[in-house]
């Protein structure tokens, strides 16, 4: 359809060019967006701050719920 010749080839070429571009972009997005997400997720997991076990963490006391506005 994109390389059609003959009668009404111009309209077929116009439609097929858009269709072919959409199919290629959808394929690229379907492959690379999840792969990019996994790469970013792995990077974020490896850059977590390491907590010192020697320093105690401050615990906040629980608060009572409000009984009136």
N, C-alpha and C. Protein backbone atom coordinates (compact mmCIF):
# COMPACT_ATOMS: atom_id res chain seq x y z
N UNK A 1 0.81 -1.18 0.00
CA UNK A 1 0.00 0.00 0.00
C UNK A 1 0.87 1.26 0.00
N UNK A 2 1.97 1.24 0.75
CA UNK A 2 2.84 2.41 0.81
C UNK A 2 3.62 2.60 -0.48
N UNK A 3 3.82 1.53 -1.24
CA UNK A 3 4.56 1.64 -2.51
C UNK A 3 3.66 1.32 -3.69
N UNK A 4 2.39 1.65 -3.55
CA UNK A 4 1.41 1.34 -4.60
C UNK A 4 1.66 2.20 -5.84
N UNK A 5 1.32 1.63 -7.00
CA UNK A 5 1.38 2.36 -8.27
C UNK A 5 0.06 2.15 -8.98
N UNK A 6 -0.23 3.01 -9.91
CA UNK A 6 -1.45 2.84 -10.68
C UNK A 6 -2.52 3.81 -10.24
N UNK A 7 -3.78 3.50 -10.66
CA UNK A 7 -4.87 4.40 -10.32
C UNK A 7 -5.09 4.47 -8.80
N UNK A 8 -5.36 5.64 -8.32
CA UNK A 8 -5.59 5.95 -6.90
C UNK A 8 -4.40 5.61 -6.01
N UNK A 9 -3.21 5.59 -6.59
CA UNK A 9 -2.01 5.29 -5.80
C UNK A 9 -1.67 6.42 -4.84
N UNK A 10 -1.99 7.64 -5.21
CA UNK A 10 -1.66 8.79 -4.36
C UNK A 10 -2.40 8.72 -3.04
N UNK A 11 -3.68 8.38 -3.08
CA UNK A 11 -4.44 8.30 -1.83
C UNK A 11 -4.00 7.10 -0.99
N UNK A 12 -3.66 6.00 -1.65
CA UNK A 12 -3.18 4.83 -0.91
C UNK A 12 -1.83 5.13 -0.27
N UNK A 13 -0.96 5.85 -0.98
CA UNK A 13 0.34 6.21 -0.40
C UNK A 13 0.17 7.11 0.81
N UNK A 14 -0.75 8.05 0.74
CA UNK A 14 -0.97 8.97 1.86
C UNK A 14 -1.48 8.23 3.09
N UNK A 15 -2.41 7.33 2.89
CA UNK A 15 -2.97 6.58 4.02
C UNK A 15 -1.92 5.61 4.57
N UNK A 16 -1.22 4.93 3.69
CA UNK A 16 -0.25 3.93 4.12
C UNK A 16 0.94 4.54 4.84
N UNK A 17 1.33 5.74 4.45
CA UNK A 17 2.46 6.39 5.12
C UNK A 17 2.13 6.67 6.58
N UNK A 18 0.95 7.20 6.83
CA UNK A 18 0.53 7.43 8.21
C UNK A 18 0.37 6.15 8.99
N UNK A 19 -0.19 5.16 8.35
CA UNK A 19 -0.40 3.86 9.01
C UNK A 19 0.93 3.20 9.35
N UNK A 20 1.86 3.25 8.41
CA UNK A 20 3.17 2.64 8.64
C UNK A 20 3.92 3.36 9.76
N UNK A 21 3.83 4.69 9.79
CA UNK A 21 4.47 5.45 10.86
C UNK A 21 3.88 5.14 12.22
N UNK A 22 2.56 5.00 12.27
CA UNK A 22 1.90 4.64 13.53
C UNK A 22 2.30 3.25 14.00
N UNK A 23 2.39 2.32 13.08
CA UNK A 23 2.76 0.95 13.46
C UNK A 23 4.19 0.89 13.98
N UNK A 24 5.09 1.63 13.34
CA UNK A 24 6.49 1.63 13.78
C UNK A 24 6.61 2.31 15.14
N UNK A 25 5.94 3.45 15.32
CA UNK A 25 6.04 4.15 16.61
C UNK A 25 5.41 3.34 17.74
N UNK A 26 4.31 2.65 17.47
CA UNK A 26 3.68 1.81 18.50
C UNK A 26 4.59 0.66 18.89
N UNK A 27 5.26 0.07 17.91
CA UNK A 27 6.18 -1.03 18.20
C UNK A 27 7.36 -0.54 19.02
N UNK A 28 7.92 0.59 18.64
CA UNK A 28 9.06 1.13 19.38
C UNK A 28 8.66 1.47 20.81
N UNK A 29 7.51 2.11 20.98
CA UNK A 29 7.06 2.45 22.33
C UNK A 29 6.76 1.21 23.16
N UNK A 30 6.18 0.20 22.54
CA UNK A 30 5.83 -1.02 23.27
C UNK A 30 7.07 -1.77 23.73
N UNK A 31 8.18 -1.61 23.02
CA UNK A 31 9.41 -2.31 23.39
C UNK A 31 10.26 -1.48 24.34
N UNK A 32 10.46 -0.20 24.02
CA UNK A 32 11.43 0.59 24.76
C UNK A 32 10.90 1.24 26.03
N UNK A 33 9.65 1.55 26.12
CA UNK A 33 9.13 2.17 27.35
C UNK A 33 9.20 1.20 28.53
N UNK A 34 8.75 -0.06 28.41
CA UNK A 34 8.91 -0.97 29.54
C UNK A 34 10.38 -1.26 29.87
N UNK A 35 11.23 -1.35 28.85
CA UNK A 35 12.65 -1.58 29.10
C UNK A 35 13.27 -0.39 29.82
N UNK A 36 12.91 0.82 29.43
CA UNK A 36 13.40 2.02 30.10
C UNK A 36 12.91 2.08 31.54
N UNK A 37 11.67 1.69 31.77
CA UNK A 37 11.11 1.67 33.12
C UNK A 37 11.88 0.70 34.01
N UNK A 38 12.20 -0.47 33.50
CA UNK A 38 12.94 -1.46 34.28
C UNK A 38 14.34 -0.94 34.60
N UNK A 39 14.98 -0.29 33.64
CA UNK A 39 16.32 0.26 33.88
C UNK A 39 16.28 1.34 34.96
N UNK A 40 15.31 2.23 34.89
CA UNK A 40 15.19 3.29 35.89
C UNK A 40 14.87 2.69 37.25
N UNK A 41 14.02 1.69 37.28
CA UNK A 41 13.66 1.04 38.54
C UNK A 41 14.89 0.39 39.18
N UNK A 42 15.72 -0.25 38.39
CA UNK A 42 16.94 -0.86 38.92
C UNK A 42 17.91 0.20 39.43
N UNK A 43 18.00 1.33 38.73
CA UNK A 43 18.87 2.41 39.18
C UNK A 43 18.39 2.97 40.51
N UNK A 44 17.10 3.13 40.67
CA UNK A 44 16.55 3.69 41.90
C UNK A 44 16.73 2.72 43.07
N UNK A 45 16.67 1.45 42.81
CA UNK A 45 16.85 0.47 43.88
C UNK A 45 18.29 0.43 44.36
N UNK A 46 19.25 0.64 43.47
CA UNK A 46 20.65 0.56 43.87
C UNK A 46 21.13 1.83 44.55
N UNK A 47 20.41 2.94 44.42
CA UNK A 47 20.84 4.20 45.01
C UNK A 47 20.14 4.52 46.32
N UNK A 48 19.61 3.53 47.00
CA UNK A 48 18.98 3.77 48.30
C UNK A 48 20.05 4.13 49.32
N UNK A 49 19.75 5.04 50.22
CA UNK A 49 20.73 5.36 51.26
C UNK A 49 20.86 4.21 52.26
N UNK A 50 22.08 3.97 52.67
CA UNK A 50 22.35 2.90 53.62
C UNK A 50 22.22 3.47 55.02
N UNK A 51 21.41 2.85 55.85
CA UNK A 51 21.22 3.31 57.22
C UNK A 51 22.29 2.68 58.12
N UNK A 52 22.84 3.51 58.99
CA UNK A 52 23.80 2.97 59.96
C UNK A 52 23.05 2.20 61.02
N UNK A 53 23.55 1.03 61.34
CA UNK A 53 22.91 0.22 62.38
C UNK A 53 23.29 0.72 63.76
N UNK A 54 24.38 1.48 63.87
CA UNK A 54 24.83 1.96 65.16
C UNK A 54 23.99 3.12 65.67
N UNK A 55 23.49 3.94 64.78
CA UNK A 55 22.71 5.10 65.22
C UNK A 55 21.26 4.69 65.42
N UNK A 56 20.73 4.89 66.62
CA UNK A 56 19.33 4.53 66.84
C UNK A 56 18.40 5.51 66.13
N UNK A 57 17.31 5.02 65.66
CA UNK A 57 16.36 5.88 64.96
C UNK A 57 15.36 6.43 65.97
N UNK A 58 14.98 7.67 65.78
CA UNK A 58 14.02 8.32 66.66
C UNK A 58 12.63 7.78 66.37
N UNK A 59 11.94 7.38 67.41
CA UNK A 59 10.56 6.94 67.24
C UNK A 59 9.64 8.02 67.78
N UNK A 60 8.62 8.34 67.02
CA UNK A 60 7.67 9.35 67.47
C UNK A 60 6.57 8.65 68.25
N UNK A 61 6.16 9.26 69.37
CA UNK A 61 5.09 8.63 70.16
C UNK A 61 3.77 8.72 69.40
N UNK A 62 2.92 7.74 69.55
CA UNK A 62 1.62 7.79 68.87
C UNK A 62 0.77 8.91 69.43
N UNK A 63 -0.01 9.52 68.58
CA UNK A 63 -0.88 10.61 69.02
C UNK A 63 -2.31 10.12 69.07
N UNK A 64 -3.08 10.73 69.99
CA UNK A 64 -4.48 10.35 70.13
C UNK A 64 -5.29 10.98 69.00
N UNK A 65 -6.32 10.32 68.55
CA UNK A 65 -7.15 10.91 67.49
C UNK A 65 -7.96 12.08 68.03
N UNK A 66 -8.29 13.00 67.16
CA UNK A 66 -9.08 14.16 67.57
C UNK A 66 -10.51 13.73 67.86
N UNK A 67 -11.05 14.26 68.98
CA UNK A 67 -12.42 13.89 69.34
C UNK A 67 -13.42 14.97 68.98
N UNK A 68 -12.94 16.18 68.68
CA UNK A 68 -13.83 17.26 68.28
C UNK A 68 -13.09 18.16 67.29
N UNK A 69 -13.83 18.93 66.49
CA UNK A 69 -13.16 19.76 65.47
C UNK A 69 -12.45 20.93 65.99
